[in-house]
Amino acid sequence: MRDDYVHGYSKEEANRLKDQANTLAKLLHEDTKYPPGSKVLEAGCGVGAQTVMLAKNSPNAQITSIDISKYSIERAKCLVEQNGLSNVEFQTANLFNLPFENETFDHIFVCFVLEHLRDPVAALKSLRRVLKNGGSITVIEGDHGSCYFYPESKEAVKAWECLIECQKHFDCNPMIGRETYPLLMNSGFKNIQVNPKIVYVDSSKPDLVEGFNKKTIIAMVEGVKDQAIDLGLIDSESWEKGINDLYKTTKSDGVFFYNFFKGTGIK
């Protein structure tokens, strides 16, 4: 397992990723469907949360899902089996040294991966090598700089900023979503299109309050507590108040906003 992955590999994190995928399935994946018989590479599948969405949307496509973590691959296999899916095969592989011939795949899918890499352009160029001419790439990334919420306190903002700073500590980019277009362009792709995927939550959307605010966003912030305190970014008292204040966004007058970016390109 990598020691520079900001979210870690705990059971709680695996559950958070599944909750996130389920909550955002329609928003992020409804328009991602691949033709029967096409060969699709999912790069950085993690615990398989997004894999399940891909496989369900394209039941007759052949999906190869890779990750650098053997631990995550095993979890992904179990999740796919639990969902009764048979169109996915898994392989442990390094994104920067892919074990595939040139122009192997018809389509490539990358979701919530580039933000955790020190050199996302190199990763995209590596993926481009194994993509057939005329094939497509789909990239989905969040942007932690796009977040705002009500009610807001300085401690809640500080707790959120701790998530950003912890990720930056590993030389990664928590605001990479806004760079989706230039990243694809600088990696050699053409016909690039990028669309914002906005999540707006208030108490009239109880499913999002539970699935996004609580189980996705606040859970993600809570996961960097030890890192943030160890790095001296915040003290324990301020952290606890910040988290409690973030939970106020889930109350009847609470509001939360976040922006994802979904980009596509052609080789």
C-alpha atoms as a PDB file:
ATOM      1  CA  MET A   1       0.000   0.000   0.000  1.00  0.00           C
ATOM      2  CA  ARG A   2       1.144   3.564  -0.695  1.00  0.00           C
ATOM      3  CA  ASP A   3       2.126   5.674   2.302  1.00  0.00           C
ATOM      4  CA  ASP A   4       1.410   8.917   0.449  1.00  0.00           C
ATOM      5  CA  TYR A   5      -2.305   8.388  -0.152  1.00  0.00           C
ATOM      6  CA  VAL A   6      -3.951  11.077   1.957  1.00  0.00           C
ATOM      7  CA  HIS A   7      -7.161   9.123   2.672  1.00  0.00           C
ATOM      8  CA  GLY A   8      -5.483   5.881   3.735  1.00  0.00           C
ATOM      9  CA  TYR A   9      -6.754   2.317   3.336  1.00  0.00           C
ATOM     10  CA  SER A  10      -9.010   1.813   6.345  1.00  0.00           C
ATOM     11  CA  LYS A  11     -12.324  -0.029   6.298  1.00  0.00           C
ATOM     12  CA  GLU A  12     -14.012   3.306   7.042  1.00  0.00           C
ATOM     13  CA  GLU A  13     -12.417   4.871   3.975  1.00  0.00           C
ATOM     14  CA  ALA A  14     -13.505   1.945   1.793  1.00  0.00           C
ATOM     15  CA  ASN A  15     -17.072   2.434   3.004  1.00  0.00           C
ATOM     16  CA  ARG A  16     -16.836   6.182   2.377  1.00  0.00           C
ATOM     17  CA  LEU A  17     -15.769   5.600  -1.212  1.00  0.00           C
ATOM     18  CA  LYS A  18     -18.713   3.260  -1.791  1.00  0.00           C
ATOM     19  CA  ASP A  19     -21.147   5.757  -0.250  1.00  0.00           C
ATOM     20  CA  GLN A  20     -19.677   8.500  -2.434  1.00  0.00           C
ATOM     21  CA  ALA A  21     -20.007   6.448  -5.610  1.00  0.00           C
ATOM     22  CA  ASN A  22     -23.595   5.466  -4.856  1.00  0.00           C
ATOM     23  CA  THR A  23     -24.611   9.012  -3.950  1.00  0.00           C
ATOM     24  CA  LEU A  24     -23.046  10.553  -7.055  1.00  0.00           C
ATOM     25  CA  ALA A  25     -23.807   7.760  -9.536  1.00  0.00           C
ATOM     26  CA  LYS A  26     -26.421   9.649 -11.535  1.00  0.00           C
ATOM     27  CA  LEU A  27     -24.540  12.959 -11.492  1.00  0.00           C
ATOM     28  CA  LEU A  28     -21.146  11.583 -12.544  1.00  0.00           C
ATOM     29  CA  HIS A  29     -21.806   8.365 -14.439  1.00  0.00           C
ATOM     30  CA  GLU A  30     -25.185   8.480 -16.155  1.00  0.00           C
ATOM     31  CA  ASP A  31     -23.649   9.590 -19.470  1.00  0.00           C
ATOM     32  CA  THR A  32     -20.674   7.190 -19.355  1.00  0.00           C
ATOM     33  CA  LYS A  33     -21.646   4.119 -21.363  1.00  0.00           C
ATOM     34  CA  TYR A  34     -19.428   2.068 -23.646  1.00  0.00           C
ATOM     35  CA  PRO A  35     -20.469   0.003 -26.717  1.00  0.00           C
ATOM     36  CA  PRO A  36     -20.737  -3.798 -26.535  1.00  0.00           C
ATOM     37  CA  GLY A  37     -17.414  -5.511 -27.127  1.00  0.00           C
ATOM     38  CA  SER A  38     -15.301  -2.427 -26.448  1.00  0.00           C
ATOM     39  CA  LYS A  39     -12.190  -2.757 -24.310  1.00  0.00           C
ATOM     40  CA  VAL A  40     -12.145  -0.295 -21.428  1.00  0.00           C
ATOM     41  CA  LEU A  41      -9.288   0.451 -19.022  1.00  0.00           C
ATOM     42  CA  GLU A  42     -10.208   1.842 -15.619  1.00  0.00           C
ATOM     43  CA  ALA A  43      -7.057   3.387 -14.174  1.00  0.00           C
ATOM     44  CA  GLY A  44      -6.824   3.522 -10.379  1.00  0.00           C
ATOM     45  CA  CYS A  45      -9.921   1.527  -9.486  1.00  0.00           C
ATOM     46  CA  GLY A  46      -9.300   1.618  -5.724  1.00  0.00           C
ATOM     47  CA  VAL A  47     -11.819  -0.482  -3.812  1.00  0.00           C
ATOM     48  CA  GLY A  48     -14.057  -0.800  -6.890  1.00  0.00           C
ATOM     49  CA  ALA A  49     -16.677   1.787  -5.976  1.00  0.00           C
ATOM     50  CA  GLN A  50     -16.585   3.382  -9.426  1.00  0.00           C
ATOM     51  CA  THR A  51     -15.925   0.019 -11.113  1.00  0.00           C
ATOM     52  CA  VAL A  52     -19.387  -1.189 -10.168  1.00  0.00           C
ATOM     53  CA  MET A  53     -20.953   1.880 -11.799  1.00  0.00           C
ATOM     54  CA  LEU A  54     -18.927   1.371 -14.977  1.00  0.00           C
ATOM     55  CA  ALA A  55     -19.748  -2.314 -15.235  1.00  0.00           C
ATOM     56  CA  LYS A  56     -23.470  -1.776 -14.657  1.00  0.00           C
ATOM     57  CA  ASN A  57     -23.667   1.024 -17.231  1.00  0.00           C
ATOM     58  CA  SER A  58     -21.798  -0.992 -19.876  1.00  0.00           C
ATOM     59  CA  PRO A  59     -22.636  -4.653 -19.206  1.00  0.00           C
ATOM     60  CA  ASN A  60     -21.347  -5.847 -22.581  1.00  0.00           C
ATOM     61  CA  ALA A  61     -18.046  -3.969 -22.525  1.00  0.00           C
ATOM     62  CA  GLN A  62     -14.838  -5.694 -21.395  1.00  0.00           C
ATOM     63  CA  ILE A  63     -13.431  -3.715 -18.475  1.00  0.00           C
ATOM     64  CA  THR A  64      -9.892  -4.044 -17.156  1.00  0.00           C
ATOM     65  CA  SER A  65      -9.481  -2.303 -13.802  1.00  0.00           C
ATOM     66  CA  ILE A  66      -6.021  -1.619 -12.390  1.00  0.00           C
ATOM     67  CA  ASP A  67      -4.622  -0.237  -9.149  1.00  0.00           C
ATOM     68  CA  ILE A  68      -1.201  -0.087  -7.537  1.00  0.00           C
ATOM     69  CA  SER A  69      -2.573  -1.419  -4.234  1.00  0.00           C
ATOM     70  CA  LYS A  70      -3.088  -5.192  -4.011  1.00  0.00           C
ATOM     71  CA  TYR A  71      -5.204  -4.574  -0.912  1.00  0.00           C
ATOM     72  CA  SER A  72      -7.575  -2.331  -2.861  1.00  0.00           C
ATOM     73  CA  ILE A  73      -7.720  -4.790  -5.766  1.00  0.00           C
ATOM     74  CA  GLU A  74      -8.884  -7.562  -3.432  1.00  0.00           C
ATOM     75  CA  ARG A  75     -11.603  -5.319  -2.017  1.00  0.00           C
ATOM     76  CA  ALA A  76     -12.646  -4.342  -5.549  1.00  0.00           C
ATOM     77  CA  LYS A  77     -12.925  -7.980  -6.628  1.00  0.00           C
ATOM     78  CA  CYS A  78     -15.195  -8.726  -3.666  1.00  0.00           C
ATOM     79  CA  LEU A  79     -17.399  -5.724  -4.370  1.00  0.00           C
ATOM     80  CA  VAL A  80     -17.820  -6.625  -8.039  1.00  0.00           C
ATOM     81  CA  GLU A  81     -18.677 -10.222  -7.109  1.00  0.00           C
ATOM     82  CA  GLN A  82     -21.200  -9.028  -4.519  1.00  0.00           C
ATOM     83  CA  ASN A  83     -22.931  -7.058  -7.267  1.00  0.00           C
ATOM     84  CA  GLY A  84     -23.078 -10.100  -9.569  1.00  0.00           C
ATOM     85  CA  LEU A  85     -20.956  -8.500 -12.289  1.00  0.00           C
ATOM     86  CA  SER A  86     -18.853 -10.603 -14.645  1.00  0.00           C
ATOM     87  CA  ASN A  87     -17.492  -8.114 -17.203  1.00  0.00           C
ATOM     88  CA  VAL A  88     -14.506  -6.907 -15.143  1.00  0.00           C
ATOM     89  CA  GLU A  89     -11.030  -8.312 -14.700  1.00  0.00           C
ATOM     90  CA  PHE A  90      -8.502  -6.865 -12.263  1.00  0.00           C
ATOM     91  CA  GLN A  91      -4.772  -6.399 -12.388  1.00  0.00           C
ATOM     92  CA  THR A  92      -2.246  -4.833 -10.031  1.00  0.00           C
ATOM     93  CA  ALA A  93      -0.329  -2.297 -12.088  1.00  0.00           C
ATOM     94  CA  ASN A  94       1.560   0.987 -11.912  1.00  0.00           C
ATOM     95  CA  LEU A  95      -0.112   3.791 -13.830  1.00  0.00           C
ATOM     96  CA  PHE A  96       3.271   5.149 -14.912  1.00  0.00           C
ATOM     97  CA  ASN A  97       4.492   1.784 -16.227  1.00  0.00           C
ATOM     98  CA  LEU A  98       1.462   0.093 -17.728  1.00  0.00           C
ATOM     99  CA  PRO A  99       1.875  -3.598 -18.660  1.00  0.00           C
ATOM    100  CA  PHE A 100      -0.075  -3.274 -21.918  1.00  0.00           C
ATOM    101  CA  GLU A 101       0.862  -2.967 -25.580  1.00  0.00           C
ATOM    102  CA  ASN A 102       0.393   0.288 -27.446  1.00  0.00           C
ATOM    103  CA  GLU A 103      -3.188   0.955 -28.551  1.00  0.00           C
ATOM    104  CA  THR A 104      -4.764  -1.862 -26.531  1.00  0.00           C
ATOM    105  CA  PHE A 105      -7.940  -0.140 -25.329  1.00  0.00           C
ATOM    106  CA  ASP A 106     -10.897   1.552 -27.004  1.00  0.00           C
ATOM    107  CA  HIS A 107     -11.671   3.737 -23.988  1.00  0.00           C
ATOM    108  CA  ILE A 108     -10.017   4.832 -20.752  1.00  0.00           C
ATOM    109  CA  PHE A 109     -11.731   5.926 -17.539  1.00  0.00           C
ATOM    110  CA  VAL A 110     -10.003   7.790 -14.694  1.00  0.00           C
ATOM    111  CA  CYS A 111     -11.953   8.937 -11.637  1.00  0.00           C
ATOM    112  CA  PHE A 112     -10.557  10.658  -8.516  1.00  0.00           C
ATOM    113  CA  VAL A 113      -7.021   9.534  -9.328  1.00  0.00           C
ATOM    114  CA  LEU A 114      -5.070  12.442 -10.825  1.00  0.00           C
ATOM    115  CA  GLU A 115      -5.453  14.538  -7.664  1.00  0.00           C
ATOM    116  CA  HIS A 116      -3.294  11.997  -5.832  1.00  0.00           C
ATOM    117  CA  LEU A 117      -0.425  11.960  -8.336  1.00  0.00           C
ATOM    118  CA  ARG A 118       2.696  14.109  -8.336  1.00  0.00           C
ATOM    119  CA  ASP A 119       2.820  14.138 -12.153  1.00  0.00           C
ATOM    120  CA  PRO A 120      -0.683  13.832 -13.627  1.00  0.00           C
ATOM    121  CA  VAL A 121       0.461  14.782 -17.146  1.00  0.00           C
ATOM    122  CA  ALA A 122       2.939  11.896 -17.185  1.00  0.00           C
ATOM    123  CA  ALA A 123       0.134   9.594 -16.043  1.00  0.00           C
ATOM    124  CA  LEU A 124      -2.174  10.796 -18.805  1.00  0.00           C
ATOM    125  CA  LYS A 125       0.563  10.367 -21.410  1.00  0.00           C
ATOM    126  CA  SER A 126       1.120   6.828 -20.162  1.00  0.00           C
ATOM    127  CA  LEU A 127      -2.594   6.138 -20.554  1.00  0.00           C
ATOM    128  CA  ARG A 128      -2.648   7.739 -23.988  1.00  0.00           C
ATOM    129  CA  ARG A 129      -0.012   5.253 -25.150  1.00  0.00           C
ATOM    130  CA  VAL A 130      -2.309   2.266 -24.547  1.00  0.00           C
ATOM    131  CA  LEU A 131      -5.365   3.966 -26.068  1.00  0.00           C
ATOM    132  CA  LYS A 132      -6.264   3.240 -29.678  1.00  0.00           C
ATOM    133  CA  ASN A 133      -6.238   6.087 -32.196  1.00  0.00           C
ATOM    134  CA  GLY A 134      -9.696   7.612 -32.125  1.00  0.00           C
ATOM    135  CA  GLY A 135     -10.337   6.174 -28.666  1.00  0.00           C
ATOM    136  CA  SER A 136     -11.714   8.247 -25.790  1.00  0.00           C
ATOM    137  CA  ILE A 137     -10.589   9.131 -22.306  1.00  0.00           C
ATOM    138  CA  THR A 138     -12.905  10.228 -19.496  1.00  0.00           C
ATOM    139  CA  VAL A 139     -11.502  12.040 -16.473  1.00  0.00           C
ATOM    140  CA  ILE A 140     -13.478  12.972 -13.352  1.00  0.00           C
ATOM    141  CA  GLU A 141     -11.960  15.066 -10.569  1.00  0.00           C
ATOM    142  CA  GLY A 142     -13.155  17.124  -7.644  1.00  0.00           C
ATOM    143  CA  ASP A 143     -11.918  20.556  -6.672  1.00  0.00           C
ATOM    144  CA  HIS A 144     -11.597  21.213  -2.964  1.00  0.00           C
ATOM    145  CA  GLY A 145     -11.253  24.916  -3.645  1.00  0.00           C
ATOM    146  CA  SER A 146     -14.814  25.007  -4.976  1.00  0.00           C
ATOM    147  CA  CYS A 147     -16.414  24.183  -1.640  1.00  0.00           C
ATOM    148  CA  TYR A 148     -18.536  26.590   0.367  1.00  0.00           C
ATOM    149  CA  PHE A 149     -21.155  26.062   2.997  1.00  0.00           C
ATOM    150  CA  TYR A 150     -23.559  27.612   5.487  1.00  0.00           C
ATOM    151  CA  PRO A 151     -23.429  28.087   8.404  1.00  0.00           C
ATOM    152  CA  GLU A 152     -19.723  28.881   8.325  1.00  0.00           C
ATOM    153  CA  SER A 153     -17.277  29.281  11.191  1.00  0.00           C
ATOM    154  CA  LYS A 154     -13.540  29.929  11.145  1.00  0.00           C
ATOM    155  CA  GLU A 155     -12.984  26.505  12.734  1.00  0.00           C
ATOM    156  CA  ALA A 156     -15.074  24.720  10.095  1.00  0.00           C
ATOM    157  CA  VAL A 157     -13.151  26.498   7.336  1.00  0.00           C
ATOM    158  CA  LYS A 158      -9.882  25.594   9.040  1.00  0.00           C
ATOM    159  CA  ALA A 159     -10.863  21.912   9.265  1.00  0.00           C
ATOM    160  CA  TRP A 160     -11.659  21.939   5.547  1.00  0.00           C
ATOM    161  CA  GLU A 161      -8.362  23.654   4.791  1.00  0.00           C
ATOM    162  CA  CYS A 162      -6.578  20.911   6.747  1.00  0.00           C
ATOM    163  CA  LEU A 163      -7.807  18.389   4.178  1.00  0.00           C
ATOM    164  CA  ILE A 164      -6.325  20.545   1.409  1.00  0.00           C
ATOM    165  CA  GLU A 165      -3.016  21.076   3.197  1.00  0.00           C
ATOM    166  CA  CYS A 166      -2.635  17.390   4.085  1.00  0.00           C
ATOM    167  CA  GLN A 167      -2.996  16.467   0.430  1.00  0.00           C
ATOM    168  CA  LYS A 168      -0.541  19.184  -0.599  1.00  0.00           C
ATOM    169  CA  HIS A 169       1.893  17.751   1.947  1.00  0.00           C
ATOM    170  CA  PHE A 170       2.257  14.759  -0.394  1.00  0.00           C
ATOM    171  CA  ASP A 171       2.886  17.082  -3.376  1.00  0.00           C
ATOM    172  CA  CYS A 172      -0.560  16.292  -4.744  1.00  0.00           C
ATOM    173  CA  ASN A 173      -3.265  18.643  -6.012  1.00  0.00           C
ATOM    174  CA  PRO A 174      -6.600  18.895  -4.173  1.00  0.00           C
ATOM    175  CA  MET A 175      -7.749  21.635  -6.590  1.00  0.00           C
ATOM    176  CA  ILE A 176      -7.006  19.679  -9.759  1.00  0.00           C
ATOM    177  CA  GLY A 177     -10.579  19.691 -11.034  1.00  0.00           C
ATOM    178  CA  ARG A 178     -10.234  23.175 -12.511  1.00  0.00           C
ATOM    179  CA  GLU A 179      -7.153  21.998 -14.424  1.00  0.00           C
ATOM    180  CA  THR A 180      -8.910  19.173 -16.259  1.00  0.00           C
ATOM    181  CA  TYR A 181      -8.898  20.932 -19.635  1.00  0.00           C
ATOM    182  CA  PRO A 182      -5.215  21.972 -19.668  1.00  0.00           C
ATOM    183  CA  LEU A 183      -4.135  18.593 -18.299  1.00  0.00           C
ATOM    184  CA  LEU A 184      -5.838  16.772 -21.170  1.00  0.00           C
ATOM    185  CA  MET A 185      -4.560  19.302 -23.692  1.00  0.00           C
ATOM    186  CA  ASN A 186      -0.968  19.099 -22.451  1.00  0.00           C
ATOM    187  CA  SER A 187      -1.144  15.301 -22.581  1.00  0.00           C
ATOM    188  CA  GLY A 188      -1.900  15.292 -26.299  1.00  0.00           C
ATOM    189  CA  PHE A 189      -5.638  14.691 -26.397  1.00  0.00           C
ATOM    190  CA  LYS A 190      -7.951  16.528 -28.785  1.00  0.00           C
ATOM    191  CA  ASN A 191     -11.673  17.315 -29.030  1.00  0.00           C
ATOM    192  CA  ILE A 192     -11.610  18.021 -25.317  1.00  0.00           C
ATOM    193  CA  GLN A 193     -14.832  18.853 -23.517  1.00  0.00           C
ATOM    194  CA  VAL A 194     -15.107  19.630 -19.804  1.00  0.00           C
ATOM    195  CA  ASN A 195     -18.363  19.992 -17.901  1.00  0.00           C
ATOM    196  CA  PRO A 196     -18.864  21.055 -14.284  1.00  0.00           C
ATOM    197  CA  LYS A 197     -20.902  18.649 -12.178  1.00  0.00           C
ATOM    198  CA  ILE A 198     -22.365  20.692  -9.353  1.00  0.00           C
ATOM    199  CA  VAL A 199     -23.546  19.262  -6.048  1.00  0.00           C
ATOM    200  CA  TYR A 200     -25.816  21.630  -4.147  1.00  0.00           C
ATOM    201  CA  VAL A 201     -27.288  20.322  -0.904  1.00  0.00           C
ATOM    202  CA  ASP A 202     -29.900  21.703   1.469  1.00  0.00           C
ATOM    203  CA  SER A 203     -32.380  20.007   3.789  1.00  0.00           C
ATOM    204  CA  SER A 204     -34.912  19.582   0.966  1.00  0.00           C
ATOM    205  CA  LYS A 205     -32.521  16.897  -0.374  1.00  0.00           C
ATOM    206  CA  PRO A 206     -32.257  14.455   2.552  1.00  0.00           C
ATOM    207  CA  ASP A 207     -30.552  11.740   0.491  1.00  0.00           C
ATOM    208  CA  LEU A 208     -27.730  14.140  -0.377  1.00  0.00           C
ATOM    209  CA  VAL A 209     -27.516  15.428   3.194  1.00  0.00           C
ATOM    210  CA  GLU A 210     -26.901  11.878   4.345  1.00  0.00           C
ATOM    211  CA  GLY A 211     -24.936  10.497   1.396  1.00  0.00           C
ATOM    212  CA  PHE A 212     -22.889  13.543   0.426  1.00  0.00           C
ATOM    213  CA  ASN A 213     -22.547  15.873   3.415  1.00  0.00           C
ATOM    214  CA  LYS A 214     -22.234  13.253   6.129  1.00  0.00           C
ATOM    215  CA  LYS A 215     -20.900  10.108   4.487  1.00  0.00           C
ATOM    216  CA  THR A 216     -18.751  11.643   1.751  1.00  0.00           C
ATOM    217  CA  ILE A 217     -17.513  15.144   2.550  1.00  0.00           C
ATOM    218  CA  ILE A 218     -17.414  15.359   6.347  1.00  0.00           C
ATOM    219  CA  ALA A 219     -16.211  11.767   6.574  1.00  0.00           C
ATOM    220  CA  MET A 220     -13.383  12.675   4.186  1.00  0.00           C
ATOM    221  CA  VAL A 221     -12.344  15.603   6.383  1.00  0.00           C
ATOM    222  CA  GLU A 222     -12.564  13.499   9.545  1.00  0.00           C
ATOM    223  CA  GLY A 223     -10.166  11.021   7.964  1.00  0.00           C
ATOM    224  CA  VAL A 224      -7.220  13.461   8.066  1.00  0.00           C
ATOM    225  CA  LYS A 225      -7.546  14.351  11.754  1.00  0.00           C
ATOM    226  CA  ASP A 226      -4.336  12.680  12.921  1.00  0.00           C
ATOM    227  CA  GLN A 227      -2.342  13.959   9.951  1.00  0.00           C
ATOM    228  CA  ALA A 228      -3.565  17.523  10.440  1.00  0.00           C
ATOM    229  CA  ILE A 229      -2.739  17.580  14.148  1.00  0.00           C
ATOM    230  CA  ASP A 230       0.626  15.837  13.666  1.00  0.00           C
ATOM    231  CA  LEU A 231       1.571  18.401  11.001  1.00  0.00           C
ATOM    232  CA  GLY A 232       0.664  21.242  13.344  1.00  0.00           C
ATOM    233  CA  LEU A 233      -2.062  22.553  11.060  1.00  0.00           C
ATOM    234  CA  ILE A 234      -4.645  22.732  13.829  1.00  0.00           C
ATOM    235  CA  ASP A 235      -5.026  21.953  17.534  1.00  0.00           C
ATOM    236  CA  SER A 236      -7.372  19.285  18.907  1.00  0.00           C
ATOM    237  CA  GLU A 237      -9.882  21.733  20.378  1.00  0.00           C
ATOM    238  CA  SER A 238     -10.221  23.709  17.158  1.00  0.00           C
ATOM    239  CA  TRP A 239     -10.491  20.471  15.171  1.00  0.00           C
ATOM    240  CA  GLU A 240     -13.391  19.171  17.246  1.00  0.00           C
ATOM    241  CA  LYS A 241     -15.237  22.474  16.983  1.00  0.00           C
ATOM    242  CA  GLY A 242     -14.568  22.595  13.236  1.00  0.00           C
ATOM    243  CA  ILE A 243     -16.017  19.137  12.671  1.00  0.00           C
ATOM    244  CA  ASN A 244     -19.031  19.895  14.870  1.00  0.00           C
ATOM    245  CA  ASP A 245     -19.591  23.088  12.903  1.00  0.00           C
ATOM    246  CA  LEU A 246     -19.361  21.211   9.588  1.00  0.00           C
ATOM    247  CA  TYR A 247     -22.154  18.950  10.801  1.00  0.00           C
ATOM    248  CA  LYS A 248     -24.322  22.061  11.187  1.00  0.00           C
ATOM    249  CA  THR A 249     -24.508  22.081   7.368  1.00  0.00           C
ATOM    250  CA  THR A 250     -26.659  18.954   7.694  1.00  0.00           C
ATOM    251  CA  LYS A 251     -29.308  20.708   9.796  1.00  0.00           C
ATOM    252  CA  SER A 252     -32.558  22.228   8.541  1.00  0.00           C
ATOM    253  CA  ASP A 253     -30.965  25.553   7.568  1.00  0.00           C
ATOM    254  CA  GLY A 254     -27.661  24.110   6.339  1.00  0.00           C
ATOM    255  CA  VAL A 255     -26.313  24.437   2.791  1.00  0.00           C
ATOM    256  CA  PHE A 256     -23.350  22.811   1.058  1.00  0.00           C
ATOM    257  CA  PHE A 257     -21.901  23.367  -2.421  1.00  0.00           C
ATOM    258  CA  TYR A 258     -19.162  21.480  -4.263  1.00  0.00           C
ATOM    259  CA  ASN A 259     -18.030  21.265  -7.876  1.00  0.00           C
ATOM    260  CA  PHE A 260     -16.725  18.226  -9.738  1.00  0.00           C
ATOM    261  CA  PHE A 261     -15.327  18.392 -13.270  1.00  0.00           C
ATOM    262  CA  LYS A 262     -15.840  15.736 -15.942  1.00  0.00           C
ATOM    263  CA  GLY A 263     -13.639  15.897 -19.000  1.00  0.00           C
ATOM    264  CA  THR A 264     -13.422  13.822 -22.154  1.00  0.00           C
ATOM    265  CA  GLY A 265     -10.895  13.746 -24.946  1.00  0.00           C
ATOM    266  CA  ILE A 266      -9.923  11.765 -28.044  1.00  0.00           C
ATOM    267  CA  LYS A 267      -6.554  10.379 -29.093  1.00  0.00           C
END
